[in-house]
Protein backbone atom coordinates (compact mmCIF):
# COMPACT_ATOMS: atom_id res chain seq x y z
CA MET A 1 -0.01 -0.38 0.00
CA ASN A 2 1.18 3.49 -0.49
CA VAL A 3 -0.53 6.32 1.77
CA ASP A 4 -0.18 9.88 1.98
CA ASP A 5 1.33 11.47 4.40
CA SER A 6 -1.03 13.77 5.29
CA ILE A 7 -3.27 10.65 6.85
CA HIS A 8 -0.30 8.56 7.49
CA ASP A 9 -0.58 8.82 11.83
CA GLU A 10 -4.13 8.54 11.00
CA TRP A 11 -4.15 5.53 8.57
CA PHE A 12 -1.14 3.75 10.17
CA GLU A 13 -3.80 3.35 13.87
CA TRP A 14 -6.41 2.95 11.93
CA MET A 15 -4.88 -0.35 10.53
CA LYS A 16 -3.09 -1.94 13.45
CA LYS A 17 -6.36 -0.47 15.32
CA LYS A 18 -9.91 -1.70 13.90
CA HIS A 19 -8.75 -2.79 9.69
CA ILE A 20 -6.48 -5.75 10.96
CA PRO A 21 -8.15 -6.96 13.90
CA ASP A 22 -11.03 -6.56 12.06
CA VAL A 23 -9.51 -8.88 9.51
CA MET A 24 -8.27 -11.62 11.81
CA ASN A 25 -11.64 -11.59 13.77
CA THR A 26 -12.89 -12.99 10.74
CA GLY A 27 -11.42 -16.09 11.29
CA CYS A 28 -9.96 -17.09 7.95
CA PHE A 29 -5.99 -15.97 8.79
CA LYS A 30 -4.08 -16.81 11.71
CA GLU A 31 -1.04 -14.40 11.54
CA SER A 32 -0.64 -11.22 10.15
CA LYS A 33 1.64 -8.45 10.04
CA ILE A 34 2.78 -5.62 8.64
CA PHE A 35 6.10 -4.18 7.39
CA ARG A 36 7.31 -0.42 6.43
CA VAL A 37 8.39 -1.12 2.49
CA LEU A 38 12.38 0.50 2.79
CA SER A 39 13.19 -0.44 -1.08
CA PRO A 40 11.97 0.88 -3.80
CA GLU A 41 12.11 4.49 -2.12
CA PRO A 42 8.04 5.30 -2.82
CA GLU A 43 6.78 7.98 -4.62
CA GLU A 44 7.45 11.49 -2.60
CA GLY A 45 5.12 12.60 0.07
CA THR A 46 3.98 9.11 0.50
CA THR A 47 5.38 5.63 2.41
CA SER A 48 4.79 2.29 1.93
CA TYR A 49 3.99 -0.98 3.16
CA VAL A 50 3.14 -4.72 2.78
CA VAL A 51 0.77 -5.95 4.98
CA HIS A 52 0.52 -9.70 5.11
CA TYR A 53 -1.83 -11.70 5.73
CA ILE A 54 -1.34 -15.73 6.44
CA CYS A 55 -4.71 -17.99 6.33
CA ASN A 56 -4.13 -21.74 6.79
CA ASN A 57 -5.73 -23.00 2.66
CA LEU A 58 -6.76 -21.44 0.01
CA GLU A 59 -9.61 -22.32 1.25
CA ASP A 60 -9.43 -19.71 4.63
CA TYR A 61 -8.78 -17.43 2.18
CA GLU A 62 -11.54 -17.42 -1.11
CA LYS A 63 -13.52 -17.56 2.41
CA TYR A 64 -12.57 -14.79 3.21
CA GLN A 65 -12.99 -13.35 -0.58
CA ILE A 66 -16.49 -13.71 -0.91
CA GLU A 67 -18.13 -12.84 2.80
CA HIS A 68 -15.03 -10.56 3.77
CA ALA A 69 -13.26 -8.94 1.72
CA ALA A 70 -16.10 -6.05 -0.88
CA PHE A 71 -17.18 -5.10 3.01
CA LEU A 72 -13.83 -4.68 4.50
CA GLN A 73 -12.46 -2.95 1.79
CA SER A 74 -15.24 -0.46 1.02
CA GLU A 75 -14.47 0.33 5.00
CA HIS A 76 -11.16 0.85 4.27
CA LYS A 77 -12.04 3.20 1.00
CA ASP A 78 -14.63 5.09 2.59
CA LYS A 79 -12.90 6.06 5.12
CA PHE A 80 -9.35 7.28 3.42
CA GLY A 81 -10.92 7.86 0.05
CA ASN A 82 -7.96 8.76 -2.91
CA LYS A 83 -5.43 8.78 -0.16
CA PHE A 84 -3.95 5.85 -0.59
CA THR A 85 -2.56 3.35 -3.12
CA ALA A 86 -4.00 -1.37 -2.67
CA TYR A 87 -2.04 -3.57 -4.40
CA ARG A 88 -3.25 -7.28 -3.68
CA THR A 89 -0.64 -10.11 -3.98
CA LEU A 90 -1.43 -13.55 -3.47
CA MET A 91 1.55 -15.98 -3.03
CA GLU A 92 2.08 -19.43 -1.80
CA LYS A 93 5.37 -20.85 0.20
CA ALA A 94 6.82 -22.68 -2.19
């Protein structure tokens, strides 16, 4: 995620106290981590993060997508508008 510096502090607190706990409370993930991206450097005026969620299996991820993702993502968009950009990637441990 790239987050506009004008909302950074509010966004970061909201992610830690509201959004990430809400995602974890779905029961679809067993662990979450948030990382600040150091390289490549983000666009000027933004800070970049990776929010990493780990699930037990693909079925849990699909359940999250079907039952929870749209609401939680729209809540994020409603709160912060166009002050952030999000890119989602599904990965599998090799």
